[in-house]
Amino acid sequence: MITLVLPRLVSFEGAGRRSGAMVERNAATLRSAYWLVMLAGFIEPVLYLFSIGIGVGALVGDLTLPDGRVVEYATFVAPAMLAASAMSGALSETTFNFFGKMKFMRLYDGILATPVRPIEIALGELAWAMIRGNLYAAAFLVVMVVMDLTTAGAAVLAFFAAALVGFAFGGIGMAVSTFMRSWQDFDLLSSAQFALFLFSGTFVPAQDYPPVLRWVVEVTPLYRSVDLIRSITLGGAGWVQVLDVLYLLAVFAVGLTVAGRRMERQLCK
């Protein structure tokens, strides 16, 4: 008897490697249409930057920040577009795609027949979402540097901040997806995402809102994301940004914990 031993790309030894197997599985199933979707996800914020940051910016002129600094409108809007892009990339993978695999394709039912556990599936899917989100962030930051909207050094720090934003919204996306009952429920998610995009200090400083609305805006995860990245790209980071980082880490931890527990409850009946 001749036994053929094939090399294993991923060894199921340890939670990290089991989560890595999910990333490998997703990479192995890529299709050309998927790359078109990813390209569209990058082009959209760039178009917003050109149309609003530059087009509307020509009408708005310079903008005075709360600390008294005066910046061009495109410089103000660009980091917000980066934060929104990181949010959209993470949510796209951890909501629609995640929900389809879990509820309709029943993909995870078969995976749980292996040593992979629900929390490891969640970690693997989140890691895959971050690959997509980080590609968006890196490409967008290159555009910002070329347009002289930030410096190369600040762009490097902003990349890691955008990665943290992706992790936070990835955790939120997976947690929310476990509560979804049908595709129609995602209309509510899309509405919430669009509201965050418009009212998170994206196009105007939060200080311009009425006091009550300003308080609501400033506790949203996208506003904390915009505040973190904008402070880095404009060179005004301080202790408030430490709170932004802690806030996003807490959102990520809560989202991932909820997603893992609910997946285990729904898939391991």
Protein backbone atom coordinates (compact mmCIF):
# COMPACT_ATOMS: atom_id res chain seq x y z
CA MET A 1 0.00 0.00 0.00
CA ILE A 2 1.32 3.39 -0.96
CA THR A 3 0.33 6.32 1.23
CA LEU A 4 0.47 9.81 -0.20
CA VAL A 5 1.17 12.54 2.32
CA LEU A 6 0.14 15.99 1.13
CA PRO A 7 1.44 19.16 2.79
CA ARG A 8 -1.16 20.97 4.87
CA LEU A 9 -1.35 24.70 4.41
CA VAL A 10 -3.04 25.18 7.76
CA SER A 11 -2.61 22.90 10.73
CA PHE A 12 -5.53 22.63 13.12
CA GLU A 13 -3.36 23.07 16.18
CA GLY A 14 -4.43 25.99 18.30
CA ALA A 15 -7.20 28.55 18.02
CA GLY A 16 -5.11 30.90 15.91
CA ARG A 17 -4.44 28.29 13.26
CA ARG A 18 -8.04 27.16 13.21
CA SER A 19 -9.15 30.75 12.66
CA GLY A 20 -6.50 31.01 9.96
CA ALA A 21 -8.15 28.09 8.19
CA MET A 22 -11.25 30.27 7.73
CA VAL A 23 -9.16 32.96 6.07
CA GLU A 24 -7.58 30.37 3.80
CA ARG A 25 -11.00 29.01 2.88
CA ASN A 26 -12.28 32.47 1.93
CA ALA A 27 -9.17 33.21 -0.13
CA ALA A 28 -9.53 29.91 -1.98
CA THR A 29 -13.08 30.75 -3.07
CA LEU A 30 -12.35 34.19 -4.56
CA ARG A 31 -13.95 35.00 -7.88
CA SER A 32 -13.27 37.82 -10.33
CA ALA A 33 -16.59 39.48 -9.44
CA TYR A 34 -15.44 39.80 -5.84
CA TRP A 35 -12.52 41.97 -6.91
CA LEU A 36 -14.94 44.26 -8.74
CA VAL A 37 -16.92 44.67 -5.53
CA MET A 38 -13.73 45.50 -3.64
CA LEU A 39 -12.74 48.03 -6.30
CA ALA A 40 -16.13 49.70 -6.00
CA GLY A 41 -15.68 49.89 -2.23
CA PHE A 42 -12.45 51.85 -2.73
CA ILE A 43 -13.72 54.12 -5.53
CA GLU A 44 -16.82 55.27 -3.62
CA PRO A 45 -15.01 57.19 -0.81
CA VAL A 46 -12.52 58.61 -3.32
CA LEU A 47 -15.42 59.98 -5.38
CA TYR A 48 -16.91 61.48 -2.22
CA LEU A 49 -13.54 63.08 -1.49
CA PHE A 50 -13.32 64.66 -4.92
CA SER A 51 -16.96 65.71 -5.19
CA ILE A 52 -17.50 66.99 -1.63
CA GLY A 53 -14.02 67.62 -0.32
CA ILE A 54 -12.84 69.46 -3.42
CA GLY A 55 -16.04 70.42 -5.26
CA VAL A 56 -18.07 71.63 -2.27
CA GLY A 57 -14.84 72.67 -0.61
CA ALA A 58 -14.36 75.31 -3.28
CA LEU A 59 -17.63 76.88 -2.11
CA VAL A 60 -17.07 76.37 1.63
CA GLY A 61 -13.47 77.56 1.68
CA ASP A 62 -11.25 77.04 4.70
CA LEU A 63 -12.65 75.58 7.91
CA THR A 64 -11.79 76.64 11.47
CA LEU A 65 -11.28 73.74 13.86
CA PRO A 66 -12.32 73.86 17.55
CA ASP A 67 -8.67 74.43 18.55
CA GLY A 68 -8.47 77.49 16.30
CA ARG A 69 -6.49 75.97 13.42
CA VAL A 70 -7.65 76.76 9.89
CA VAL A 71 -7.55 73.92 7.32
CA GLU A 72 -8.81 73.34 3.82
CA TYR A 73 -12.18 71.62 3.60
CA ALA A 74 -10.72 68.66 1.68
CA THR A 75 -8.16 68.16 4.46
CA PHE A 76 -11.00 68.11 6.98
CA VAL A 77 -13.20 65.68 5.03
CA ALA A 78 -10.52 63.20 3.86
CA PRO A 79 -9.89 61.46 7.24
CA ALA A 80 -13.65 61.12 7.74
CA MET A 81 -13.90 59.41 4.34
CA LEU A 82 -11.12 57.05 5.44
CA ALA A 83 -12.98 56.17 8.66
CA ALA A 84 -16.23 55.67 6.74
CA SER A 85 -14.43 53.46 4.21
CA ALA A 86 -12.99 51.30 7.00
CA MET A 87 -16.47 51.00 8.51
CA SER A 88 -18.10 50.07 5.20
CA GLY A 89 -15.46 47.48 4.30
CA ALA A 90 -15.74 45.76 7.67
CA LEU A 91 -19.54 45.82 7.74
CA SER A 92 -19.85 44.48 4.19
CA GLU A 93 -17.96 41.32 5.09
CA THR A 94 -19.37 40.78 8.57
CA THR A 95 -23.03 41.45 7.82
CA PHE A 96 -24.30 40.42 4.37
CA ASN A 97 -21.62 37.82 3.64
CA PHE A 98 -21.53 36.51 7.20
CA PHE A 99 -25.33 36.25 7.41
CA GLY A 100 -25.54 34.44 4.07
CA LYS A 101 -22.95 31.87 5.08
CA MET A 102 -24.56 31.24 8.45
CA LYS A 103 -28.30 31.29 7.68
CA PHE A 104 -28.64 30.34 4.00
CA MET A 105 -25.54 28.51 2.83
CA ARG A 106 -25.31 26.74 6.22
CA LEU A 107 -21.57 26.79 5.69
CA TYR A 108 -20.69 26.94 9.35
CA ASP A 109 -22.71 23.83 10.19
CA GLY A 110 -20.27 21.75 8.18
CA ILE A 111 -17.23 23.58 9.55
CA LEU A 112 -18.31 22.85 13.13
CA ALA A 113 -17.98 19.14 12.34
CA THR A 114 -14.22 19.84 12.40
CA PRO A 115 -12.24 21.00 15.46
CA VAL A 116 -13.11 24.64 14.62
CA ARG A 117 -15.28 26.32 17.27
CA PRO A 118 -17.82 29.16 16.78
CA ILE A 119 -15.58 31.85 18.29
CA GLU A 120 -12.76 30.71 15.97
CA ILE A 121 -15.10 31.03 12.98
CA ALA A 122 -15.91 34.57 14.13
CA LEU A 123 -12.22 35.43 14.50
CA GLY A 124 -11.41 34.00 11.09
CA GLU A 125 -14.22 35.88 9.37
CA LEU A 126 -13.18 39.06 11.17
CA ALA A 127 -9.58 38.60 10.03
CA TRP A 128 -10.79 38.16 6.46
CA ALA A 129 -12.90 41.33 6.74
CA MET A 130 -9.84 43.20 7.99
CA ILE A 131 -7.83 42.19 4.94
CA ARG A 132 -10.46 43.89 2.78
CA GLY A 133 -10.72 46.91 5.05
CA ASN A 134 -6.95 47.38 5.26
CA LEU A 135 -6.63 47.31 1.48
CA TYR A 136 -9.19 50.12 1.29
CA ALA A 137 -7.35 52.10 3.98
CA ALA A 138 -3.90 51.71 2.43
CA ALA A 139 -5.07 52.73 -1.05
CA PHE A 140 -7.03 55.72 0.28
CA LEU A 141 -4.08 56.93 2.35
CA VAL A 142 -1.88 56.83 -0.73
CA VAL A 143 -4.41 59.12 -2.44
CA MET A 144 -4.37 61.46 0.57
CA VAL A 145 -0.57 61.69 0.57
CA VAL A 146 -0.44 62.28 -3.20
CA MET A 147 -3.03 65.06 -2.85
CA ASP A 148 -0.99 66.57 0.00
CA LEU A 149 -3.87 66.14 2.47
CA THR A 150 -1.56 64.57 5.07
CA THR A 151 2.06 63.56 5.52
CA ALA A 152 3.54 60.12 4.91
CA GLY A 153 4.38 59.68 8.61
CA ALA A 154 0.86 60.57 9.70
CA ALA A 155 -0.53 58.22 7.04
CA VAL A 156 1.31 55.28 8.60
CA LEU A 157 -0.25 55.98 12.00
CA ALA A 158 -3.63 56.59 10.38
CA PHE A 159 -3.41 53.16 8.74
CA PHE A 160 -3.22 51.44 12.14
CA ALA A 161 -6.05 53.65 13.40
CA ALA A 162 -8.17 52.63 10.40
CA ALA A 163 -7.39 48.97 11.15
CA LEU A 164 -8.70 49.47 14.69
CA VAL A 165 -11.85 51.07 13.25
CA GLY A 166 -12.31 48.03 11.03
CA PHE A 167 -11.98 45.66 13.99
CA ALA A 168 -14.53 47.64 15.99
CA PHE A 169 -17.13 47.70 13.21
CA GLY A 170 -16.34 44.10 12.28
CA GLY A 171 -17.27 43.07 15.80
CA ILE A 172 -20.44 45.15 15.63
CA GLY A 173 -21.35 43.69 12.24
CA MET A 174 -21.06 40.06 13.31
CA ALA A 175 -22.95 40.66 16.53
CA VAL A 176 -25.79 42.41 14.69
CA SER A 177 -25.91 39.70 12.00
CA THR A 178 -26.66 37.03 14.59
CA PHE A 179 -29.91 38.89 15.41
CA MET A 180 -31.04 39.20 11.78
CA ARG A 181 -33.99 37.05 10.70
CA SER A 182 -34.10 37.81 6.96
CA TRP A 183 -32.51 39.97 4.28
CA GLN A 184 -35.17 42.63 4.84
CA ASP A 185 -33.75 43.31 8.29
CA PHE A 186 -30.63 44.67 6.64
CA ASP A 187 -32.62 47.70 5.47
CA LEU A 188 -32.51 48.90 9.08
CA LEU A 189 -28.76 48.34 9.21
CA SER A 190 -28.24 50.25 5.96
CA SER A 191 -30.29 53.15 7.29
CA ALA A 192 -28.28 53.24 10.52
CA GLN A 193 -25.01 53.08 8.58
CA PHE A 194 -26.06 55.95 6.32
CA ALA A 195 -27.14 58.05 9.30
CA LEU A 196 -23.74 57.49 10.91
CA PHE A 197 -22.05 58.49 7.68
CA LEU A 198 -23.94 61.79 7.53
CA PHE A 199 -23.96 62.76 11.21
CA SER A 200 -20.61 61.75 12.69
CA GLY A 201 -18.68 64.95 12.20
CA THR A 202 -17.99 63.75 8.68
CA PHE A 203 -18.74 66.96 6.78
CA VAL A 204 -19.07 69.54 9.57
CA PRO A 205 -17.51 69.75 13.05
CA ALA A 206 -19.65 68.23 15.77
CA GLN A 207 -19.49 71.57 17.59
CA ASP A 208 -21.80 73.04 14.96
CA TYR A 209 -24.67 70.76 16.00
CA PRO A 210 -27.18 71.73 18.72
CA PRO A 211 -25.95 70.67 22.19
CA VAL A 212 -28.28 67.67 22.58
CA LEU A 213 -27.61 66.35 19.08
CA ARG A 214 -23.89 66.97 19.53
CA TRP A 215 -23.86 64.70 22.60
CA VAL A 216 -25.60 61.94 20.64
CA VAL A 217 -23.14 62.34 17.75
CA GLU A 218 -20.06 62.20 19.94
CA VAL A 219 -20.94 58.84 21.53
CA THR A 220 -21.35 57.04 18.21
CA PRO A 221 -18.55 54.68 17.10
CA LEU A 222 -18.04 56.38 13.74
CA TYR A 223 -17.58 59.78 15.34
CA ARG A 224 -14.92 58.36 17.69
CA SER A 225 -13.29 56.80 14.62
CA VAL A 226 -13.37 60.05 12.67
CA ASP A 227 -12.03 61.97 15.65
CA LEU A 228 -9.12 59.53 16.05
CA ILE A 229 -8.07 59.48 12.40
CA ARG A 230 -8.63 63.21 11.86
CA SER A 231 -6.49 64.08 14.87
CA ILE A 232 -3.69 61.90 13.51
CA THR A 233 -3.77 63.21 9.94
CA LEU A 234 -4.03 66.84 11.05
CA GLY A 235 -1.32 66.46 13.68
CA GLY A 236 -3.39 67.33 16.75
CA ALA A 237 -3.59 64.01 18.62
CA GLY A 238 -3.82 64.20 22.42
CA TRP A 239 -5.31 62.48 25.45
CA VAL A 240 -8.79 62.51 23.94
CA GLN A 241 -7.54 60.12 21.26
CA VAL A 242 -6.50 57.66 23.97
CA LEU A 243 -10.18 57.58 24.95
CA ASP A 244 -11.07 57.04 21.29
CA VAL A 245 -8.77 54.00 21.16
CA LEU A 246 -10.16 52.57 24.40
CA TYR A 247 -13.72 53.16 23.18
CA LEU A 248 -13.09 51.30 19.90
CA LEU A 249 -11.32 48.44 21.70
CA ALA A 250 -14.31 48.09 24.03
CA VAL A 251 -16.74 48.07 21.07
CA PHE A 252 -14.65 45.38 19.37
CA ALA A 253 -14.49 43.21 22.51
CA VAL A 254 -18.22 43.47 23.20
CA GLY A 255 -19.17 42.81 19.58
CA LEU A 256 -16.92 39.78 19.25
CA THR A 257 -18.09 38.34 22.57
CA VAL A 258 -21.76 38.71 21.65
CA ALA A 259 -21.17 37.25 18.18
CA GLY A 260 -19.26 34.24 19.53
CA ARG A 261 -21.86 33.40 22.18
CA ARG A 262 -24.83 33.79 19.87
CA MET A 263 -23.15 31.73 17.16
CA GLU A 264 -22.54 28.97 19.64
CA ARG A 265 -26.18 29.12 20.79
CA GLN A 266 -27.56 29.05 17.23
CA LEU A 267 -25.15 26.58 15.62
CA CYS A 268 -24.47 24.17 18.47
CA LYS A 269 -28.04 23.19 19.33
